[in-house]
Amino acid sequence: MTNNETNHTLPPKTCSVERLVTMPSDVELVIAGKKTATRRNGRYADVGEIMELNGHKFVVENVYEQSLGELTDEHAKQEGFESVEAYKEAILSYHPGMPWLPHMKVWVHEFSPVK
């Protein structure tokens, strides 16, 4: 299935692309090329949308659902972390009281610099 085919089957967005990456530390990781994806509990962007961070533009290349139990260290590295465990610790520190449930679904938004 191509991104365009996937995009037609996606539910409506729950937020806007401007809210996709907002934490200053994450913005810096994206600009430095160390963060190429972000996971959210809702869908914030469509494939092809442009996200602008401090004057730098990034295009959303893929949007798909994933369960937390499917996360690998490679996925964590897309997020700017060395391992799933480091990513999990960070997420739980941002959202006190949130459970980390392997079956919990999140929306993955993958992006790259606009050339």
PDB file of N, CA and C in Angstrom:
ATOM      1  N   MET A   1       0.850  -1.185   0.000  1.00  0.00           N
ATOM      2  CA  MET A   1       0.000   0.000   0.000  1.00  0.00           C
ATOM      3  C   MET A   1       0.889   1.239   0.000  1.00  0.00           C
ATOM      4  N   THR A   2       0.666   2.185  -0.868  1.00  0.00           N
ATOM      5  CA  THR A   2       1.467   3.401  -0.931  1.00  0.00           C
ATOM      6  C   THR A   2       0.969   4.411   0.088  1.00  0.00           C
ATOM      7  N   ASN A   3       1.779   5.434   0.314  1.00  0.00           N
ATOM      8  CA  ASN A   3       1.366   6.488   1.243  1.00  0.00           C
ATOM      9  C   ASN A   3       0.053   7.120   0.808  1.00  0.00           C
ATOM     10  N   ASN A   4      -0.121   7.347  -0.507  1.00  0.00           N
ATOM     11  CA  ASN A   4      -1.359   7.963  -0.973  1.00  0.00           C
ATOM     12  C   ASN A   4      -2.555   7.073  -0.685  1.00  0.00           C
ATOM     13  N   GLU A   5      -2.411   5.771  -0.911  1.00  0.00           N
ATOM     14  CA  GLU A   5      -3.511   4.856  -0.604  1.00  0.00           C
ATOM     15  C   GLU A   5      -3.785   4.846   0.895  1.00  0.00           C
ATOM     16  N   THR A   6      -2.715   4.826   1.682  1.00  0.00           N
ATOM     17  CA  THR A   6      -2.864   4.846   3.136  1.00  0.00           C
ATOM     18  C   THR A   6      -3.570   6.118   3.570  1.00  0.00           C
ATOM     19  N   ASN A   7      -3.157   7.251   2.997  1.00  0.00           N
ATOM     20  CA  ASN A   7      -3.703   8.547   3.378  1.00  0.00           C
ATOM     21  C   ASN A   7      -5.214   8.597   3.181  1.00  0.00           C
ATOM     22  N   HIS A   8      -5.730   7.941   2.159  1.00  0.00           N
ATOM     23  CA  HIS A   8      -7.166   7.971   1.901  1.00  0.00           C
ATOM     24  C   HIS A   8      -7.947   7.172   2.941  1.00  0.00           C
ATOM     25  N   THR A   9      -7.303   6.250   3.635  1.00  0.00           N
ATOM     26  CA  THR A   9      -8.006   5.430   4.611  1.00  0.00           C
ATOM     27  C   THR A   9      -7.806   5.924   6.038  1.00  0.00           C
ATOM     28  N   LEU A  10      -7.055   7.000   6.221  1.00  0.00           N
ATOM     29  CA  LEU A  10      -6.797   7.514   7.559  1.00  0.00           C
ATOM     30  C   LEU A  10      -8.017   8.250   8.097  1.00  0.00           C
ATOM     31  N   PRO A  11      -8.229   8.170   9.399  1.00  0.00           N
ATOM     32  CA  PRO A  11      -9.326   8.944  10.001  1.00  0.00           C
ATOM     33  C   PRO A  11      -8.973  10.431   9.995  1.00  0.00           C
ATOM     34  N   PRO A  12      -9.933  11.288  10.287  1.00  0.00           N
ATOM     35  CA  PRO A  12      -9.649  12.727  10.332  1.00  0.00           C
ATOM     36  C   PRO A  12      -8.559  13.047  11.354  1.00  0.00           C
ATOM     37  N   LYS A  13      -7.846  14.133  11.089  1.00  0.00           N
ATOM     38  CA  LYS A  13      -6.818  14.583  12.029  1.00  0.00           C
ATOM     39  C   LYS A  13      -7.490  15.020  13.332  1.00  0.00           C
ATOM     40  N   THR A  14      -6.773  14.831  14.442  1.00  0.00           N
ATOM     41  CA  THR A  14      -7.279  15.250  15.747  1.00  0.00           C
ATOM     42  C   THR A  14      -6.609  16.527  16.223  1.00  0.00           C
ATOM     43  N   CYS A  15      -5.565  16.958  15.501  1.00  0.00           N
ATOM     44  CA  CYS A  15      -4.827  18.158  15.864  1.00  0.00           C
ATOM     45  C   CYS A  15      -4.162  18.680  14.591  1.00  0.00           C
ATOM     46  N   SER A  16      -3.394  19.748  14.693  1.00  0.00           N
ATOM     47  CA  SER A  16      -2.759  20.328  13.511  1.00  0.00           C
ATOM     48  C   SER A  16      -1.266  20.038  13.497  1.00  0.00           C
ATOM     49  N   VAL A  17      -0.700  20.091  12.308  1.00  0.00           N
ATOM     50  CA  VAL A  17       0.728  19.804  12.129  1.00  0.00           C
ATOM     51  C   VAL A  17       1.588  20.764  12.966  1.00  0.00           C
ATOM     52  N   GLU A  18       1.090  21.956  13.238  1.00  0.00           N
ATOM     53  CA  GLU A  18       1.852  22.918  14.048  1.00  0.00           C
ATOM     54  C   GLU A  18       2.092  22.419  15.470  1.00  0.00           C
ATOM     55  N   ARG A  19       1.276  21.468  15.924  1.00  0.00           N
ATOM     56  CA  ARG A  19       1.401  20.935  17.284  1.00  0.00           C
ATOM     57  C   ARG A  19       2.168  19.614  17.322  1.00  0.00           C
ATOM     58  N   LEU A  20       2.663  19.163  16.164  1.00  0.00           N
ATOM     59  CA  LEU A  20       3.302  17.851  16.087  1.00  0.00           C
ATOM     60  C   LEU A  20       4.576  17.778  16.931  1.00  0.00           C
ATOM     61  N   VAL A  21       5.449  18.747  16.799  1.00  0.00           N
ATOM     62  CA  VAL A  21       6.694  18.795  17.589  1.00  0.00           C
ATOM     63  C   VAL A  21       6.747  20.170  18.229  1.00  0.00           C
ATOM     64  N   THR A  22       6.637  20.217  19.561  1.00  0.00           N
ATOM     65  CA  THR A  22       6.561  21.512  20.248  1.00  0.00           C
ATOM     66  C   THR A  22       7.597  21.688  21.354  1.00  0.00           C
ATOM     67  N   MET A  23       8.074  20.597  21.933  1.00  0.00           N
ATOM     68  CA  MET A  23       9.046  20.727  23.021  1.00  0.00           C
ATOM     69  C   MET A  23      10.367  21.255  22.460  1.00  0.00           C
ATOM     70  N   PRO A  24      10.937  22.300  23.055  1.00  0.00           N
ATOM     71  CA  PRO A  24      12.181  22.869  22.524  1.00  0.00           C
ATOM     72  C   PRO A  24      13.296  21.833  22.313  1.00  0.00           C
ATOM     73  N   SER A  25      13.428  20.880  23.231  1.00  0.00           N
ATOM     74  CA  SER A  25      14.485  19.863  23.066  1.00  0.00           C
ATOM     75  C   SER A  25      14.212  18.988  21.846  1.00  0.00           C
ATOM     76  N   ASP A  26      12.936  18.683  21.582  1.00  0.00           N
ATOM     77  CA  ASP A  26      12.576  17.897  20.400  1.00  0.00           C
ATOM     78  C   ASP A  26      12.781  18.700  19.123  1.00  0.00           C
ATOM     79  N   VAL A  27      12.435  19.986  19.162  1.00  0.00           N
ATOM     80  CA  VAL A  27      12.644  20.847  17.992  1.00  0.00           C
ATOM     81  C   VAL A  27      14.121  20.828  17.605  1.00  0.00           C
ATOM     82  N   GLU A  28      14.994  20.965  18.593  1.00  0.00           N
ATOM     83  CA  GLU A  28      16.440  20.953  18.315  1.00  0.00           C
ATOM     84  C   GLU A  28      16.891  19.617  17.734  1.00  0.00           C
ATOM     85  N   LEU A  29      16.346  18.511  18.255  1.00  0.00           N
ATOM     86  CA  LEU A  29      16.695  17.188  17.714  1.00  0.00           C
ATOM     87  C   LEU A  29      16.256  17.042  16.264  1.00  0.00           C
ATOM     88  N   VAL A  30      15.070  17.556  15.940  1.00  0.00           N
ATOM     89  CA  VAL A  30      14.581  17.484  14.554  1.00  0.00           C
ATOM     90  C   VAL A  30      15.494  18.301  13.646  1.00  0.00           C
ATOM     91  N   ILE A  31      15.790  19.524  14.032  1.00  0.00           N
ATOM     92  CA  ILE A  31      16.631  20.399  13.214  1.00  0.00           C
ATOM     93  C   ILE A  31      18.018  19.786  13.017  1.00  0.00           C
ATOM     94  N   ALA A  32      18.537  19.113  14.050  1.00  0.00           N
ATOM     95  CA  ALA A  32      19.861  18.480  13.973  1.00  0.00           C
ATOM     96  C   ALA A  32      19.834  17.162  13.196  1.00  0.00           C
ATOM     97  N   GLY A  33      18.639  16.697  12.810  1.00  0.00           N
ATOM     98  CA  GLY A  33      18.535  15.442  12.061  1.00  0.00           C
ATOM     99  C   GLY A  33      18.565  14.203  12.931  1.00  0.00           C
ATOM    100  N   LYS A  34      18.429  14.374  14.248  1.00  0.00           N
ATOM    101  CA  LYS A  34      18.488  13.241  15.176  1.00  0.00           C
ATOM    102  C   LYS A  34      17.110  12.700  15.550  1.00  0.00           C
ATOM    103  N   LYS A  35      16.064  13.395  15.119  1.00  0.00           N
ATOM    104  CA  LYS A  35      14.685  12.959  15.361  1.00  0.00           C
ATOM    105  C   LYS A  35      13.960  13.048  14.028  1.00  0.00           C
ATOM    106  N   THR A  36      13.515  11.908  13.519  1.00  0.00           N
ATOM    107  CA  THR A  36      12.868  11.864  12.203  1.00  0.00           C
ATOM    108  C   THR A  36      11.435  11.347  12.274  1.00  0.00           C
ATOM    109  N   ALA A  37      10.947  11.140  13.485  1.00  0.00           N
ATOM    110  CA  ALA A  37       9.566  10.681  13.674  1.00  0.00           C
ATOM    111  C   ALA A  37       9.087  11.114  15.047  1.00  0.00           C
ATOM    112  N   THR A  38       7.779  11.211  15.165  1.00  0.00           N
ATOM    113  CA  THR A  38       7.187  11.449  16.472  1.00  0.00           C
ATOM    114  C   THR A  38       5.893  10.659  16.561  1.00  0.00           C
ATOM    115  N   ARG A  39       5.637  10.173  17.745  1.00  0.00           N
ATOM    116  CA  ARG A  39       4.438   9.383  18.008  1.00  0.00           C
ATOM    117  C   ARG A  39       3.502  10.196  18.890  1.00  0.00           C
ATOM    118  N   ARG A  40       2.232  10.190  18.513  1.00  0.00           N
ATOM    119  CA  ARG A  40       1.213  10.929  19.254  1.00  0.00           C
ATOM    120  C   ARG A  40       0.005  10.038  19.436  1.00  0.00           C
ATOM    121  N   ASN A  41      -0.825  10.400  20.411  1.00  0.00           N
ATOM    122  CA  ASN A  41      -2.032   9.597  20.636  1.00  0.00           C
ATOM    123  C   ASN A  41      -3.138   9.948  19.648  1.00  0.00           C
ATOM    124  N   GLY A  42      -2.906  10.948  18.826  1.00  0.00           N
ATOM    125  CA  GLY A  42      -3.845  11.327  17.776  1.00  0.00           C
ATOM    126  C   GLY A  42      -3.097  11.565  16.480  1.00  0.00           C
ATOM    127  N   ARG A  43      -3.855  11.805  15.433  1.00  0.00           N
ATOM    128  CA  ARG A  43      -3.246  12.049  14.130  1.00  0.00           C
ATOM    129  C   ARG A  43      -3.138  13.551  13.908  1.00  0.00           C
ATOM    130  N   TYR A  44      -1.906  14.047  13.755  1.00  0.00           N
ATOM    131  CA  TYR A  44      -1.641  15.479  13.684  1.00  0.00           C
ATOM    132  C   TYR A  44      -1.337  15.973  12.276  1.00  0.00           C
ATOM    133  N   ALA A  45      -1.077  15.076  11.337  1.00  0.00           N
ATOM    134  CA  ALA A  45      -0.663  15.521  10.001  1.00  0.00           C
ATOM    135  C   ALA A  45      -1.072  14.519   8.941  1.00  0.00           C
ATOM    136  N   ASP A  46      -1.168  15.021   7.734  1.00  0.00           N
ATOM    137  CA  ASP A  46      -1.372  14.192   6.553  1.00  0.00           C
ATOM    138  C   ASP A  46      -0.033  14.038   5.843  1.00  0.00           C
ATOM    139  N   VAL A  47       0.123  12.969   5.090  1.00  0.00           N
ATOM    140  CA  VAL A  47       1.307  12.794   4.263  1.00  0.00           C
ATOM    141  C   VAL A  47       1.382  13.985   3.304  1.00  0.00           C
ATOM    142  N   GLY A  48       2.569  14.562   3.202  1.00  0.00           N
ATOM    143  CA  GLY A  48       2.784  15.705   2.320  1.00  0.00           C
ATOM    144  C   GLY A  48       2.682  17.054   3.004  1.00  0.00           C
ATOM    145  N   GLU A  49       2.143  17.091   4.224  1.00  0.00           N
ATOM    146  CA  GLU A  49       2.047  18.365   4.946  1.00  0.00           C
ATOM    147  C   GLU A  49       3.436  18.834   5.350  1.00  0.00           C
ATOM    148  N   ILE A  50       3.584  20.146   5.441  1.00  0.00           N
ATOM    149  CA  ILE A  50       4.861  20.753   5.809  1.00  0.00           C
ATOM    150  C   ILE A  50       4.774  21.250   7.256  1.00  0.00           C
ATOM    151  N   MET A  51       5.797  20.897   8.028  1.00  0.00           N
ATOM    152  CA  MET A  51       5.940  21.365   9.405  1.00  0.00           C
ATOM    153  C   MET A  51       7.122  22.333   9.409  1.00  0.00           C
ATOM    154  N   GLU A  52       6.940  23.507   9.995  1.00  0.00           N
ATOM    155  CA  GLU A  52       8.030  24.470  10.082  1.00  0.00           C
ATOM    156  C   GLU A  52       8.467  24.631  11.526  1.00  0.00           C
ATOM    157  N   LEU A  53       9.765  24.485  11.752  1.00  0.00           N
ATOM    158  CA  LEU A  53      10.354  24.607  13.088  1.00  0.00           C
ATOM    159  C   LEU A  53      11.514  25.587  13.030  1.00  0.00           C
ATOM    160  N   ASN A  54      11.367  26.719  13.679  1.00  0.00           N
ATOM    161  CA  ASN A  54      12.428  27.733  13.730  1.00  0.00           C
ATOM    162  C   ASN A  54      13.001  28.039  12.347  1.00  0.00           C
ATOM    163  N   GLY A  55      12.122  28.194  11.360  1.00  0.00           N
ATOM    164  CA  GLY A  55      12.551  28.543  10.018  1.00  0.00           C
ATOM    165  C   GLY A  55      12.991  27.374   9.153  1.00  0.00           C
ATOM    166  N   HIS A  56      12.996  26.164   9.691  1.00  0.00           N
ATOM    167  CA  HIS A  56      13.361  24.956   8.947  1.00  0.00           C
ATOM    168  C   HIS A  56      12.076  24.211   8.588  1.00  0.00           C
ATOM    169  N   LYS A  57      12.002  23.724   7.342  1.00  0.00           N
ATOM    170  CA  LYS A  57      10.796  23.033   6.896  1.00  0.00           C
ATOM    171  C   LYS A  57      11.044  21.534   6.760  1.00  0.00           C
ATOM    172  N   PHE A  58      10.025  20.781   7.173  1.00  0.00           N
ATOM    173  CA  PHE A  58      10.068  19.321   7.132  1.00  0.00           C
ATOM    174  C   PHE A  58       8.766  18.828   6.524  1.00  0.00           C
ATOM    175  N   VAL A  59       8.871  17.803   5.668  1.00  0.00           N
ATOM    176  CA  VAL A  59       7.692  17.243   5.038  1.00  0.00           C
ATOM    177  C   VAL A  59       7.329  15.929   5.726  1.00  0.00           C
ATOM    178  N   VAL A  60       6.053  15.743   6.003  1.00  0.00           N
ATOM    179  CA  VAL A  60       5.565  14.499   6.589  1.00  0.00           C
ATOM    180  C   VAL A  60       5.524  13.458   5.472  1.00  0.00           C
ATOM    181  N   GLU A  61       6.275  12.388   5.631  1.00  0.00           N
ATOM    182  CA  GLU A  61       6.399  11.375   4.580  1.00  0.00           C
ATOM    183  C   GLU A  61       5.532  10.152   4.804  1.00  0.00           C
ATOM    184  N   ASN A  62       5.206   9.870   6.056  1.00  0.00           N
ATOM    185  CA  ASN A  62       4.415   8.683   6.351  1.00  0.00           C
ATOM    186  C   ASN A  62       3.654   8.899   7.652  1.00  0.00           C
ATOM    187  N   VAL A  63       2.440   8.383   7.706  1.00  0.00           N
ATOM    188  CA  VAL A  63       1.605   8.438   8.911  1.00  0.00           C
ATOM    189  C   VAL A  63       0.927   7.089   9.030  1.00  0.00           C
ATOM    190  N   TYR A  64       1.122   6.435  10.180  1.00  0.00           N
ATOM    191  CA  TYR A  64       0.506   5.122  10.376  1.00  0.00           C
ATOM    192  C   TYR A  64       0.344   4.841  11.863  1.00  0.00           C
ATOM    193  N   GLU A  65      -0.513   3.889  12.178  1.00  0.00           N
ATOM    194  CA  GLU A  65      -0.774   3.481  13.552  1.00  0.00           C
ATOM    195  C   GLU A  65       0.188   2.367  13.953  1.00  0.00           C
ATOM    196  N   GLN A  66       0.566   2.361  15.225  1.00  0.00           N
ATOM    197  CA  GLN A  66       1.488   1.349  15.754  1.00  0.00           C
ATOM    198  C   GLN A  66       1.155   1.142  17.226  1.00  0.00           C
ATOM    199  N   SER A  67       1.311  -0.083  17.705  1.00  0.00           N
ATOM    200  CA  SER A  67       1.117  -0.313  19.135  1.00  0.00           C
ATOM    201  C   SER A  67       2.451  -0.111  19.851  1.00  0.00           C
ATOM    202  N   LEU A  68       2.379   0.281  21.112  1.00  0.00           N
ATOM    203  CA  LEU A  68       3.607   0.493  21.888  1.00  0.00           C
ATOM    204  C   LEU A  68       4.427  -0.796  21.989  1.00  0.00           C
ATOM    205  N   GLY A  69       3.754  -1.925  21.988  1.00  0.00           N
ATOM    206  CA  GLY A  69       4.449  -3.205  22.065  1.00  0.00           C
ATOM    207  C   GLY A  69       5.252  -3.536  20.814  1.00  0.00           C
ATOM    208  N   GLU A  70       4.984  -2.851  19.712  1.00  0.00           N
ATOM    209  CA  GLU A  70       5.719  -3.068  18.467  1.00  0.00           C
ATOM    210  C   GLU A  70       7.007  -2.259  18.378  1.00  0.00           C
ATOM    211  N   LEU A  71       7.195  -1.326  19.310  1.00  0.00           N
ATOM    212  CA  LEU A  71       8.369  -0.446  19.249  1.00  0.00           C
ATOM    213  C   LEU A  71       9.671  -1.228  19.374  1.00  0.00           C
ATOM    214  N   THR A  72      10.631  -0.852  18.538  1.00  0.00           N
ATOM    215  CA  THR A  72      11.981  -1.433  18.586  1.00  0.00           C
ATOM    216  C   THR A  72      12.967  -0.315  18.917  1.00  0.00           C
ATOM    217  N   ASP A  73      14.202  -0.691  19.173  1.00  0.00           N
ATOM    218  CA  ASP A  73      15.232   0.326  19.408  1.00  0.00           C
ATOM    219  C   ASP A  73      15.403   1.222  18.183  1.00  0.00           C
ATOM    220  N   GLU A  74      15.214   0.675  16.985  1.00  0.00           N
ATOM    221  CA  GLU A  74      15.297   1.497  15.762  1.00  0.00           C
ATOM    222  C   GLU A  74      14.209   2.565  15.759  1.00  0.00           C
ATOM    223  N   HIS A  75      13.004   2.206  16.188  1.00  0.00           N
ATOM    224  CA  HIS A  75      11.927   3.199  16.287  1.00  0.00           C
ATOM    225  C   HIS A  75      12.304   4.274  17.311  1.00  0.00           C
ATOM    226  N   ALA A  76      12.866   3.852  18.435  1.00  0.00           N
ATOM    227  CA  ALA A  76      13.279   4.805  19.473  1.00  0.00           C
ATOM    228  C   ALA A  76      14.336   5.760  18.925  1.00  0.00           C
ATOM    229  N   LYS A  77      15.235   5.249  18.095  1.00  0.00           N
ATOM    230  CA  LYS A  77      16.272   6.107  17.496  1.00  0.00           C
ATOM    231  C   LYS A  77      15.651   7.138  16.565  1.00  0.00           C
ATOM    232  N   GLN A  78      14.573   6.777  15.862  1.00  0.00           N
ATOM    233  CA  GLN A  78      13.850   7.763  15.037  1.00  0.00           C
ATOM    234  C   GLN A  78      13.350   8.907  15.914  1.00  0.00           C
ATOM    235  N   GLU A  79      13.034   8.584  17.154  1.00  0.00           N
ATOM    236  CA  GLU A  79      12.515   9.569  18.107  1.00  0.00           C
ATOM    237  C   GLU A  79      13.629  10.356  18.812  1.00  0.00           C
ATOM    238  N   GLY A  80      14.881   9.977  18.560  1.00  0.00           N
ATOM    239  CA  GLY A  80      16.003  10.676  19.178  1.00  0.00           C
ATOM    240  C   GLY A  80      16.508  10.035  20.453  1.00  0.00           C
ATOM    241  N   PHE A  81      16.130   8.771  20.699  1.00  0.00           N
ATOM    242  CA  PHE A  81      16.547   8.054  21.904  1.00  0.00           C
ATOM    243  C   PHE A  81      17.380   6.835  21.530  1.00  0.00           C
ATOM    244  N   GLU A  82      18.179   6.355  22.466  1.00  0.00           N
ATOM    245  CA  GLU A  82      19.054   5.206  22.199  1.00  0.00           C
ATOM    246  C   GLU A  82      18.334   3.866  22.248  1.00  0.00           C
ATOM    247  N   SER A  83      17.226   3.817  22.996  1.00  0.00           N
ATOM    248  CA  SER A  83      16.547   2.528  23.183  1.00  0.00           C
ATOM    249  C   SER A  83      15.072   2.758  23.483  1.00  0.00           C
ATOM    250  N   VAL A  84      14.307   1.689  23.355  1.00  0.00           N
ATOM    251  CA  VAL A  84      12.885   1.760  23.708  1.00  0.00           C
ATOM    252  C   VAL A  84      12.740   2.141  25.177  1.00  0.00           C
ATOM    253  N   GLU A  85      13.588   1.580  26.023  1.00  0.00           N
ATOM    254  CA  GLU A  85      13.493   1.866  27.460  1.00  0.00           C
ATOM    255  C   GLU A  85      13.720   3.357  27.739  1.00  0.00           C
ATOM    256  N   ALA A  86      14.701   3.969  27.076  1.00  0.00           N
ATOM    257  CA  ALA A  86      14.960   5.405  27.259  1.00  0.00           C
ATOM    258  C   ALA A  86      13.780   6.232  26.755  1.00  0.00           C
ATOM    259  N   TYR A  87      13.210   5.827  25.626  1.00  0.00           N
ATOM    260  CA  TYR A  87      12.049   6.513  25.079  1.00  0.00           C
ATOM    261  C   TYR A  87      10.865   6.403  26.040  1.00  0.00           C
ATOM    262  N   LYS A  88      10.627   5.191  26.532  1.00  0.00           N
ATOM    263  CA  LYS A  88       9.529   4.942  27.464  1.00  0.00           C
ATOM    264  C   LYS A  88       9.675   5.809  28.721  1.00  0.00           C
ATOM    265  N   GLU A  89      10.878   5.852  29.293  1.00  0.00           N
ATOM    266  CA  GLU A  89      11.115   6.665  30.495  1.00  0.00           C
ATOM    267  C   GLU A  89      10.802   8.134  30.227  1.00  0.00           C
ATOM    268  N   ALA A  90      11.230   8.641  29.068  1.00  0.00           N
ATOM    269  CA  ALA A  90      10.981  10.045  28.733  1.00  0.00           C
ATOM    270  C   ALA A  90       9.489  10.312  28.591  1.00  0.00           C
ATOM    271  N   ILE A  91       8.798   9.462  27.846  1.00  0.00           N
ATOM    272  CA  ILE A  91       7.357   9.654  27.623  1.00  0.00           C
ATOM    273  C   ILE A  91       6.603   9.630  28.953  1.00  0.00           C
ATOM    274  N   LEU A  92       6.928   8.680  29.806  1.00  0.00           N
ATOM    275  CA  LEU A  92       6.233   8.589  31.095  1.00  0.00           C
ATOM    276  C   LEU A  92       6.565   9.774  31.996  1.00  0.00           C
ATOM    277  N   SER A  93       7.748  10.374  31.832  1.00  0.00           N
ATOM    278  CA  SER A  93       8.079  11.560  32.628  1.00  0.00           C
ATOM    279  C   SER A  93       7.301  12.780  32.120  1.00  0.00           C
ATOM    280  N   TYR A  94       6.979  12.822  30.807  1.00  0.00           N
ATOM    281  CA  TYR A  94       6.196  13.928  30.245  1.00  0.00           C
ATOM    282  C   TYR A  94       4.729  13.810  30.623  1.00  0.00           C
ATOM    283  N   HIS A  95       4.264  12.566  30.821  1.00  0.00           N
ATOM    284  CA  HIS A  95       2.848  12.296  31.079  1.00  0.00           C
ATOM    285  C   HIS A  95       2.690  11.482  32.368  1.00  0.00           C
ATOM    286  N   PRO A  96       2.883  12.119  33.538  1.00  0.00           N
ATOM    287  CA  PRO A  96       2.780  11.394  34.806  1.00  0.00           C
ATOM    288  C   PRO A  96       1.436  10.682  34.935  1.00  0.00           C
ATOM    289  N   GLY A  97       1.488   9.453  35.382  1.00  0.00           N
ATOM    290  CA  GLY A  97       0.273   8.670  35.590  1.00  0.00           C
ATOM    291  C   GLY A  97      -0.200   7.923  34.360  1.00  0.00           C
ATOM    292  N   MET A  98       0.396   8.213  33.199  1.00  0.00           N
ATOM    293  CA  MET A  98      -0.011   7.504  31.985  1.00  0.00           C
ATOM    294  C   MET A  98       0.541   6.088  32.025  1.00  0.00           C
ATOM    295  N   PRO A  99      -0.294   5.109  31.751  1.00  0.00           N
ATOM    296  CA  PRO A  99       0.232   3.735  31.708  1.00  0.00           C
ATOM    297  C   PRO A  99       0.942   3.478  30.382  1.00  0.00           C
ATOM    298  N   TRP A 100       1.886   2.580  30.384  1.00  0.00           N
ATOM    299  CA  TRP A 100       2.556   2.137  29.163  1.00  0.00           C
ATOM    300  C   TRP A 100       2.020   0.740  28.887  1.00  0.00           C
ATOM    301  N   LEU A 101       1.068   0.666  27.989  1.00  0.00           N
ATOM    302  CA  LEU A 101       0.403  -0.600  27.697  1.00  0.00           C
ATOM    303  C   LEU A 101       0.816  -1.083  26.312  1.00  0.00           C
ATOM    304  N   PRO A 102       1.360  -2.301  26.203  1.00  0.00           N
ATOM    305  CA  PRO A 102       1.830  -2.796  24.903  1.00  0.00           C
ATOM    306  C   PRO A 102       0.774  -2.739  23.802  1.00  0.00           C
ATOM    307  N   HIS A 103      -0.508  -2.878  24.139  1.00  0.00           N
ATOM    308  CA  HIS A 103      -1.557  -2.861  23.122  1.00  0.00           C
ATOM    309  C   HIS A 103      -2.029  -1.440  22.766  1.00  0.00           C
ATOM    310  N   MET A 104      -1.563  -0.427  23.519  1.00  0.00           N
ATOM    311  CA  MET A 104      -1.971   0.953  23.264  1.00  0.00           C
ATOM    312  C   MET A 104      -1.473   1.394  21.889  1.00  0.00           C
ATOM    313  N   LYS A 105      -2.382   1.963  21.103  1.00  0.00           N
ATOM    314  CA  LYS A 105      -2.038   2.424  19.755  1.00  0.00           C
ATOM    315  C   LYS A 105      -1.640   3.893  19.777  1.00  0.00           C
ATOM    316  N   VAL A 106      -0.638   4.216  18.964  1.00  0.00           N
ATOM    317  CA  VAL A 106      -0.211   5.600  18.766  1.00  0.00           C
ATOM    318  C   VAL A 106      -0.111   5.847  17.261  1.00  0.00           C
ATOM    319  N   TRP A 107      -0.101   7.114  16.882  1.00  0.00           N
ATOM    320  CA  TRP A 107       0.072   7.495  15.487  1.00  0.00           C
ATOM    321  C   TRP A 107       1.522   7.905  15.273  1.00  0.00           C
ATOM    322  N   VAL A 108       2.162   7.264  14.313  1.00  0.00           N
ATOM    323  CA  VAL A 108       3.543   7.575  13.958  1.00  0.00           C
ATOM    324  C   VAL A 108       3.513   8.573  12.808  1.00  0.00           C
ATOM    325  N   HIS A 109       4.299   9.640  12.953  1.00  0.00           N
ATOM    326  CA  HIS A 109       4.448  10.653  11.910  1.00  0.00           C
ATOM    327  C   HIS A 109       5.936  10.699  11.575  1.00  0.00           C
ATOM    328  N   GLU A 110       6.301  10.273  10.379  1.00  0.00           N
ATOM    329  CA  GLU A 110       7.704  10.295   9.938  1.00  0.00           C
ATOM    330  C   GLU A 110       7.898  11.481   9.012  1.00  0.00           C
ATOM    331  N   PHE A 111       9.025  12.175   9.173  1.00  0.00           N
ATOM    332  CA  PHE A 111       9.262  13.398   8.396  1.00  0.00           C
ATOM    333  C   PHE A 111      10.735  13.525   8.034  1.00  0.00           C
ATOM    334  N   SER A 112      11.006  14.392   7.066  1.00  0.00           N
ATOM    335  CA  SER A 112      12.377  14.657   6.631  1.00  0.00           C
ATOM    336  C   SER A 112      12.457  16.127   6.191  1.00  0.00           C
ATOM    337  N   PRO A 113      13.687  16.663   6.150  1.00  0.00           N
ATOM    338  CA  PRO A 113      13.843  18.067   5.725  1.00  0.00           C
ATOM    339  C   PRO A 113      13.337  18.257   4.290  1.00  0.00           C
ATOM    340  N   VAL A 114      12.737  19.425   4.048  1.00  0.00           N
ATOM    341  CA  VAL A 114      12.350  19.783   2.689  1.00  0.00           C
ATOM    342  C   VAL A 114      13.632  20.173   1.964  1.00  0.00           C
ATOM    343  N   LYS A 115      13.831  19.607   0.804  1.00  0.00           N
ATOM    344  CA  LYS A 115      15.063  19.898   0.045  1.00  0.00           C
ATOM    345  C   LYS A 115      14.840  20.990  -0.958  1.00  0.00           C
TER     346      LYS A 115
END
